[in-house]
Amino acid sequence: RLSIYKIGEVVTYYTVKTAILRMGWMNDAFPLHFIAAVCAGAVTTTLTSPVDVVKTRYVNSSPGEFKSPIQCAGVLARECGFKIFYKGCVPSFFRNTGWNLIMLMSYEQLQKIVSKKLKNYKLKF
């Protein structure tokens, strides 16, 4: 789950940010970072929600009810339809997006501060 989450988060954030910068729609500033972080939150929620639902259903099932998580996913899809995999995705979206806003926007600001400091720093050998 974490691998799916991180790949979706980082790839989406930088893809959206780079695409908007290339199109010239926005400058590399707070509003751009905000939009890219929200997009990353939406994608990570879409990718991880099915994994979360299956994991929760599998862990909370009675012993022997499911042979494996894959079988659990199949049973859920047959009995409840594919909508079941996105049950609870709204709270998950807000949690993921909140995290992305704090983490990615803080990272961007720290990156700017450090790059300014390093420009003035001369290495002496």
N, C-alpha and C. Protein backbone atom coordinates (compact mmCIF):
# COMPACT_ATOMS: atom_id res chain seq x y z
N ARG A 1 0.82 -1.18 0.00
CA ARG A 1 0.00 0.00 0.00
C ARG A 1 0.86 1.25 0.00
N LEU A 2 1.86 1.26 0.85
CA LEU A 2 2.71 2.44 0.94
C LEU A 2 3.46 2.70 -0.36
N SER A 3 3.91 1.65 -1.01
CA SER A 3 4.60 1.82 -2.30
C SER A 3 3.67 2.44 -3.33
N ILE A 4 2.44 1.93 -3.39
CA ILE A 4 1.46 2.49 -4.32
C ILE A 4 1.20 3.95 -3.98
N TYR A 5 1.05 4.22 -2.69
CA TYR A 5 0.76 5.58 -2.24
C TYR A 5 1.88 6.55 -2.63
N LYS A 6 3.10 6.19 -2.30
CA LYS A 6 4.24 7.09 -2.55
C LYS A 6 4.49 7.29 -4.03
N ILE A 7 4.38 6.23 -4.82
CA ILE A 7 4.57 6.37 -6.26
C ILE A 7 3.49 7.30 -6.82
N GLY A 8 2.24 7.07 -6.45
CA GLY A 8 1.16 7.92 -6.92
C GLY A 8 1.32 9.36 -6.49
N GLU A 9 1.74 9.55 -5.25
CA GLU A 9 1.88 10.90 -4.70
C GLU A 9 2.99 11.69 -5.40
N VAL A 10 4.18 11.13 -5.42
CA VAL A 10 5.34 11.85 -5.95
C VAL A 10 5.23 12.04 -7.46
N VAL A 11 4.88 10.98 -8.17
CA VAL A 11 4.79 11.06 -9.63
C VAL A 11 3.71 12.06 -10.04
N THR A 12 2.55 12.00 -9.41
CA THR A 12 1.48 12.92 -9.76
C THR A 12 1.85 14.36 -9.43
N TYR A 13 2.41 14.58 -8.25
CA TYR A 13 2.78 15.94 -7.85
C TYR A 13 3.73 16.57 -8.87
N TYR A 14 4.79 15.87 -9.19
CA TYR A 14 5.78 16.45 -10.10
C TYR A 14 5.30 16.48 -11.55
N THR A 15 4.46 15.54 -11.95
CA THR A 15 3.91 15.57 -13.30
C THR A 15 2.98 16.77 -13.48
N VAL A 16 2.09 16.97 -12.53
CA VAL A 16 1.17 18.12 -12.60
C VAL A 16 1.94 19.43 -12.53
N LYS A 17 2.87 19.51 -11.60
CA LYS A 17 3.66 20.73 -11.45
C LYS A 17 4.44 21.05 -12.73
N THR A 18 5.11 20.06 -13.29
CA THR A 18 5.90 20.26 -14.50
C THR A 18 5.01 20.61 -15.69
N ALA A 19 3.87 19.95 -15.82
CA ALA A 19 2.97 20.23 -16.95
C ALA A 19 2.44 21.66 -16.88
N ILE A 20 2.05 22.10 -15.71
CA ILE A 20 1.53 23.47 -15.57
C ILE A 20 2.63 24.49 -15.83
N LEU A 21 3.82 24.22 -15.36
CA LEU A 21 4.94 25.14 -15.61
C LEU A 21 5.27 25.21 -17.10
N ARG A 22 5.29 24.05 -17.76
CA ARG A 22 5.60 24.03 -19.20
C ARG A 22 4.55 24.77 -20.03
N MET A 23 3.29 24.66 -19.62
CA MET A 23 2.21 25.35 -20.34
C MET A 23 2.24 26.85 -20.07
N GLY A 24 2.96 27.26 -19.04
CA GLY A 24 3.04 28.67 -18.71
C GLY A 24 1.80 29.21 -18.01
N TRP A 25 0.98 28.33 -17.45
CA TRP A 25 -0.25 28.76 -16.80
C TRP A 25 0.00 29.41 -15.45
N MET A 26 1.07 28.98 -14.75
CA MET A 26 1.36 29.50 -13.42
C MET A 26 2.87 29.56 -13.22
N ASN A 27 3.27 30.37 -12.26
CA ASN A 27 4.68 30.42 -11.85
C ASN A 27 4.92 29.37 -10.77
N ASP A 28 6.18 29.07 -10.53
CA ASP A 28 6.56 28.10 -9.50
C ASP A 28 6.40 28.78 -8.13
N ALA A 29 5.18 28.77 -7.63
CA ALA A 29 4.87 29.44 -6.36
C ALA A 29 3.77 28.67 -5.63
N PHE A 30 3.34 29.23 -4.52
CA PHE A 30 2.36 28.60 -3.63
C PHE A 30 1.11 28.07 -4.34
N PRO A 31 0.43 28.85 -5.20
CA PRO A 31 -0.79 28.33 -5.84
C PRO A 31 -0.53 27.08 -6.68
N LEU A 32 0.59 27.04 -7.38
CA LEU A 32 0.93 25.87 -8.18
C LEU A 32 1.17 24.66 -7.29
N HIS A 33 1.89 24.84 -6.20
CA HIS A 33 2.17 23.74 -5.28
C HIS A 33 0.87 23.23 -4.65
N PHE A 34 -0.05 24.14 -4.36
CA PHE A 34 -1.35 23.78 -3.79
C PHE A 34 -2.12 22.88 -4.76
N ILE A 35 -2.23 23.31 -6.01
CA ILE A 35 -2.97 22.55 -7.03
C ILE A 35 -2.33 21.18 -7.25
N ALA A 36 -1.02 21.13 -7.36
CA ALA A 36 -0.32 19.86 -7.58
C ALA A 36 -0.52 18.92 -6.39
N ALA A 37 -0.51 19.46 -5.18
CA ALA A 37 -0.70 18.63 -3.98
C ALA A 37 -2.12 18.07 -3.92
N VAL A 38 -3.11 18.87 -4.30
CA VAL A 38 -4.50 18.38 -4.31
C VAL A 38 -4.67 17.29 -5.37
N CYS A 39 -4.08 17.48 -6.54
CA CYS A 39 -4.14 16.45 -7.58
C CYS A 39 -3.48 15.16 -7.10
N ALA A 40 -2.35 15.30 -6.42
CA ALA A 40 -1.66 14.11 -5.89
C ALA A 40 -2.53 13.41 -4.85
N GLY A 41 -3.25 14.18 -4.04
CA GLY A 41 -4.16 13.59 -3.06
C GLY A 41 -5.28 12.80 -3.72
N ALA A 42 -5.81 13.34 -4.81
CA ALA A 42 -6.89 12.66 -5.53
C ALA A 42 -6.39 11.35 -6.15
N VAL A 43 -5.23 11.39 -6.75
CA VAL A 43 -4.69 10.18 -7.39
C VAL A 43 -4.33 9.12 -6.35
N THR A 44 -3.69 9.53 -5.26
CA THR A 44 -3.31 8.54 -4.25
C THR A 44 -4.55 7.91 -3.62
N THR A 45 -5.60 8.69 -3.44
CA THR A 45 -6.84 8.13 -2.89
C THR A 45 -7.43 7.12 -3.86
N THR A 46 -7.43 7.46 -5.15
CA THR A 46 -7.97 6.55 -6.16
C THR A 46 -7.17 5.25 -6.22
N LEU A 47 -5.87 5.34 -6.06
CA LEU A 47 -5.02 4.15 -6.14
C LEU A 47 -5.09 3.29 -4.88
N THR A 48 -5.16 3.92 -3.71
CA THR A 48 -5.04 3.15 -2.47
C THR A 48 -6.37 2.75 -1.84
N SER A 49 -7.45 3.39 -2.22
CA SER A 49 -8.74 3.06 -1.61
C SER A 49 -9.12 1.58 -1.78
N PRO A 50 -8.99 1.00 -2.98
CA PRO A 50 -9.31 -0.43 -3.09
C PRO A 50 -8.44 -1.31 -2.19
N VAL A 51 -7.18 -0.98 -2.06
CA VAL A 51 -6.28 -1.76 -1.20
C VAL A 51 -6.73 -1.65 0.25
N ASP A 52 -7.09 -0.44 0.68
CA ASP A 52 -7.54 -0.23 2.06
C ASP A 52 -8.83 -1.00 2.36
N VAL A 53 -9.78 -0.97 1.42
CA VAL A 53 -11.05 -1.66 1.62
C VAL A 53 -10.84 -3.16 1.72
N VAL A 54 -10.06 -3.72 0.81
CA VAL A 54 -9.80 -5.17 0.84
C VAL A 54 -9.06 -5.55 2.11
N LYS A 55 -8.05 -4.77 2.47
CA LYS A 55 -7.28 -5.08 3.68
C LYS A 55 -8.18 -5.05 4.92
N THR A 56 -9.01 -4.04 5.03
CA THR A 56 -9.90 -3.93 6.18
C THR A 56 -10.89 -5.08 6.23
N ARG A 57 -11.49 -5.40 5.09
CA ARG A 57 -12.47 -6.49 5.04
C ARG A 57 -11.79 -7.83 5.34
N TYR A 58 -10.59 -8.03 4.82
CA TYR A 58 -9.86 -9.29 5.02
C TYR A 58 -9.45 -9.46 6.49
N VAL A 59 -8.91 -8.40 7.07
CA VAL A 59 -8.45 -8.48 8.47
C VAL A 59 -9.61 -8.66 9.43
N ASN A 60 -10.75 -8.03 9.15
CA ASN A 60 -11.89 -8.11 10.04
C ASN A 60 -12.80 -9.31 9.77
N SER A 61 -12.46 -10.14 8.79
CA SER A 61 -13.29 -11.31 8.48
C SER A 61 -13.04 -12.41 9.51
N SER A 62 -14.00 -13.30 9.61
CA SER A 62 -13.82 -14.43 10.52
C SER A 62 -12.81 -15.41 9.91
N PRO A 63 -12.10 -16.16 10.75
CA PRO A 63 -11.10 -17.09 10.24
C PRO A 63 -11.69 -18.07 9.22
N GLY A 64 -11.04 -18.19 8.07
CA GLY A 64 -11.47 -19.11 7.04
C GLY A 64 -12.50 -18.54 6.07
N GLU A 65 -12.97 -17.32 6.32
CA GLU A 65 -13.97 -16.73 5.43
C GLU A 65 -13.38 -16.47 4.04
N PHE A 66 -12.14 -16.01 4.01
CA PHE A 66 -11.45 -15.77 2.75
C PHE A 66 -10.13 -16.52 2.77
N LYS A 67 -9.74 -17.10 1.63
CA LYS A 67 -8.47 -17.82 1.53
C LYS A 67 -7.30 -16.86 1.38
N SER A 68 -7.54 -15.72 0.72
CA SER A 68 -6.47 -14.76 0.47
C SER A 68 -7.09 -13.38 0.22
N PRO A 69 -6.27 -12.33 0.27
CA PRO A 69 -6.78 -11.00 -0.05
C PRO A 69 -7.32 -10.91 -1.49
N ILE A 70 -6.71 -11.65 -2.40
CA ILE A 70 -7.17 -11.65 -3.80
C ILE A 70 -8.58 -12.23 -3.87
N GLN A 71 -8.80 -13.33 -3.17
CA GLN A 71 -10.12 -13.94 -3.16
C GLN A 71 -11.12 -13.00 -2.50
N CYS A 72 -10.71 -12.32 -1.45
CA CYS A 72 -11.56 -11.34 -0.77
C CYS A 72 -11.98 -10.24 -1.74
N ALA A 73 -11.03 -9.74 -2.53
CA ALA A 73 -11.34 -8.70 -3.52
C ALA A 73 -12.32 -9.21 -4.56
N GLY A 74 -12.15 -10.45 -5.00
CA GLY A 74 -13.06 -11.03 -5.97
C GLY A 74 -14.47 -11.17 -5.42
N VAL A 75 -14.58 -11.62 -4.19
CA VAL A 75 -15.89 -11.77 -3.56
C VAL A 75 -16.55 -10.40 -3.40
N LEU A 76 -15.79 -9.42 -2.96
CA LEU A 76 -16.34 -8.06 -2.81
C LEU A 76 -16.84 -7.53 -4.14
N ALA A 77 -16.07 -7.72 -5.20
CA ALA A 77 -16.46 -7.21 -6.51
C ALA A 77 -17.72 -7.91 -7.02
N ARG A 78 -17.81 -9.23 -6.83
CA ARG A 78 -18.99 -9.97 -7.28
C ARG A 78 -20.24 -9.61 -6.48
N GLU A 79 -20.09 -9.56 -5.17
CA GLU A 79 -21.26 -9.37 -4.31
C GLU A 79 -21.71 -7.92 -4.19
N CYS A 80 -20.76 -6.99 -4.21
CA CYS A 80 -21.10 -5.59 -3.94
C CYS A 80 -20.86 -4.66 -5.13
N GLY A 81 -20.17 -5.12 -6.15
CA GLY A 81 -19.85 -4.26 -7.28
C GLY A 81 -18.56 -3.48 -7.01
N PHE A 82 -18.10 -2.80 -8.03
CA PHE A 82 -16.82 -2.11 -7.90
C PHE A 82 -16.90 -0.83 -7.07
N LYS A 83 -18.10 -0.34 -6.83
CA LYS A 83 -18.24 0.85 -5.97
C LYS A 83 -17.74 0.60 -4.56
N ILE A 84 -17.82 -0.65 -4.11
CA ILE A 84 -17.41 -0.98 -2.75
C ILE A 84 -15.94 -0.63 -2.50
N PHE A 85 -15.12 -0.68 -3.54
CA PHE A 85 -13.69 -0.41 -3.38
C PHE A 85 -13.41 1.06 -3.08
N TYR A 86 -14.40 1.90 -3.25
CA TYR A 86 -14.22 3.33 -2.97
C TYR A 86 -15.08 3.80 -1.81
N LYS A 87 -15.53 2.84 -1.01
CA LYS A 87 -16.27 3.18 0.20
C LYS A 87 -15.32 3.88 1.17
N GLY A 88 -15.70 5.04 1.65
CA GLY A 88 -14.86 5.80 2.57
C GLY A 88 -13.77 6.60 1.89
N CYS A 89 -13.89 6.80 0.58
CA CYS A 89 -12.81 7.51 -0.12
C CYS A 89 -12.81 9.02 0.14
N VAL A 90 -13.94 9.60 0.53
CA VAL A 90 -13.97 11.05 0.79
C VAL A 90 -13.12 11.40 2.02
N PRO A 91 -13.31 10.74 3.16
CA PRO A 91 -12.42 11.03 4.29
C PRO A 91 -10.96 10.73 3.96
N SER A 92 -10.74 9.68 3.21
CA SER A 92 -9.37 9.33 2.82
C SER A 92 -8.77 10.42 1.93
N PHE A 93 -9.57 10.96 1.02
CA PHE A 93 -9.10 12.05 0.16
C PHE A 93 -8.66 13.25 1.00
N PHE A 94 -9.48 13.64 1.97
CA PHE A 94 -9.13 14.80 2.79
C PHE A 94 -7.89 14.52 3.64
N ARG A 95 -7.76 13.30 4.13
CA ARG A 95 -6.56 12.94 4.92
C ARG A 95 -5.32 12.97 4.04
N ASN A 96 -5.39 12.34 2.87
CA ASN A 96 -4.24 12.31 1.96
C ASN A 96 -3.89 13.70 1.46
N THR A 97 -4.90 14.48 1.10
CA THR A 97 -4.64 15.82 0.58
C THR A 97 -4.08 16.72 1.67
N GLY A 98 -4.60 16.61 2.87
CA GLY A 98 -4.05 17.41 3.98
C GLY A 98 -2.57 17.11 4.20
N TRP A 99 -2.24 15.83 4.19
CA TRP A 99 -0.84 15.43 4.34
C TRP A 99 -0.01 15.98 3.19
N ASN A 100 -0.49 15.84 1.95
CA ASN A 100 0.25 16.32 0.79
C ASN A 100 0.48 17.82 0.85
N LEU A 101 -0.54 18.56 1.25
CA LEU A 101 -0.39 20.01 1.33
C LEU A 101 0.71 20.39 2.32
N ILE A 102 0.67 19.78 3.49
CA ILE A 102 1.69 20.11 4.50
C ILE A 102 3.07 19.65 4.06
N MET A 103 3.19 18.39 3.66
CA MET A 103 4.50 17.83 3.36
C MET A 103 5.12 18.42 2.09
N LEU A 104 4.38 18.41 1.00
CA LEU A 104 4.95 18.85 -0.28
C LEU A 104 5.18 20.36 -0.33
N MET A 105 4.27 21.13 0.26
CA MET A 105 4.46 22.58 0.25
C MET A 105 5.59 22.98 1.19
N SER A 106 5.72 22.29 2.31
CA SER A 106 6.86 22.55 3.20
C SER A 106 8.17 22.20 2.50
N TYR A 107 8.17 21.07 1.80
CA TYR A 107 9.36 20.66 1.05
C TYR A 107 9.76 21.72 0.03
N GLU A 108 8.79 22.25 -0.70
CA GLU A 108 9.08 23.27 -1.71
C GLU A 108 9.69 24.51 -1.07
N GLN A 109 9.15 24.93 0.07
CA GLN A 109 9.67 26.11 0.74
C GLN A 109 11.07 25.86 1.29
N LEU A 110 11.28 24.71 1.87
CA LEU A 110 12.63 24.37 2.37
C LEU A 110 13.64 24.28 1.23
N GLN A 111 13.19 23.74 0.11
CA GLN A 111 14.07 23.63 -1.05
C GLN A 111 14.51 25.02 -1.54
N LYS A 112 13.58 25.97 -1.54
CA LYS A 112 13.93 27.34 -1.95
C LYS A 112 14.92 27.97 -0.98
N ILE A 113 14.69 27.80 0.31
CA ILE A 113 15.57 28.37 1.33
C ILE A 113 16.97 27.78 1.21
N VAL A 114 17.06 26.47 1.10
CA VAL A 114 18.37 25.81 1.02
C VAL A 114 19.09 26.18 -0.27
N SER A 115 18.37 26.26 -1.39
CA SER A 115 19.03 26.60 -2.65
C SER A 115 19.57 28.03 -2.61
N LYS A 116 18.87 28.95 -1.95
CA LYS A 116 19.37 30.32 -1.81
C LYS A 116 20.64 30.34 -0.95
N LYS A 117 20.63 29.58 0.13
CA LYS A 117 21.80 29.51 1.01
C LYS A 117 23.00 28.90 0.28
N LEU A 118 22.75 27.87 -0.51
CA LEU A 118 23.84 27.20 -1.21
C LEU A 118 24.42 28.04 -2.34
N LYS A 119 23.64 28.92 -2.92
CA LYS A 119 24.14 29.81 -3.97
C LYS A 119 25.23 30.73 -3.42
N ASN A 120 25.07 31.13 -2.19
CA ASN A 120 26.04 32.04 -1.56
C ASN A 120 27.21 31.31 -0.91
N TYR A 121 27.14 30.00 -0.86
CA TYR A 121 28.16 29.20 -0.20
C TYR A 121 29.23 28.79 -1.22
N LYS A 122 30.46 29.04 -0.88
CA LYS A 122 31.59 28.68 -1.76
C LYS A 122 32.36 27.52 -1.11
N LEU A 123 32.55 26.48 -1.87
CA LEU A 123 33.35 25.36 -1.40
C LEU A 123 34.83 25.68 -1.56
N LYS A 124 35.60 25.40 -0.53
CA LYS A 124 37.04 25.65 -0.57
C LYS A 124 37.77 24.32 -0.46
N PHE A 125 38.60 24.06 -1.43
CA PHE A 125 39.37 22.83 -1.43
C PHE A 125 40.82 23.13 -1.28
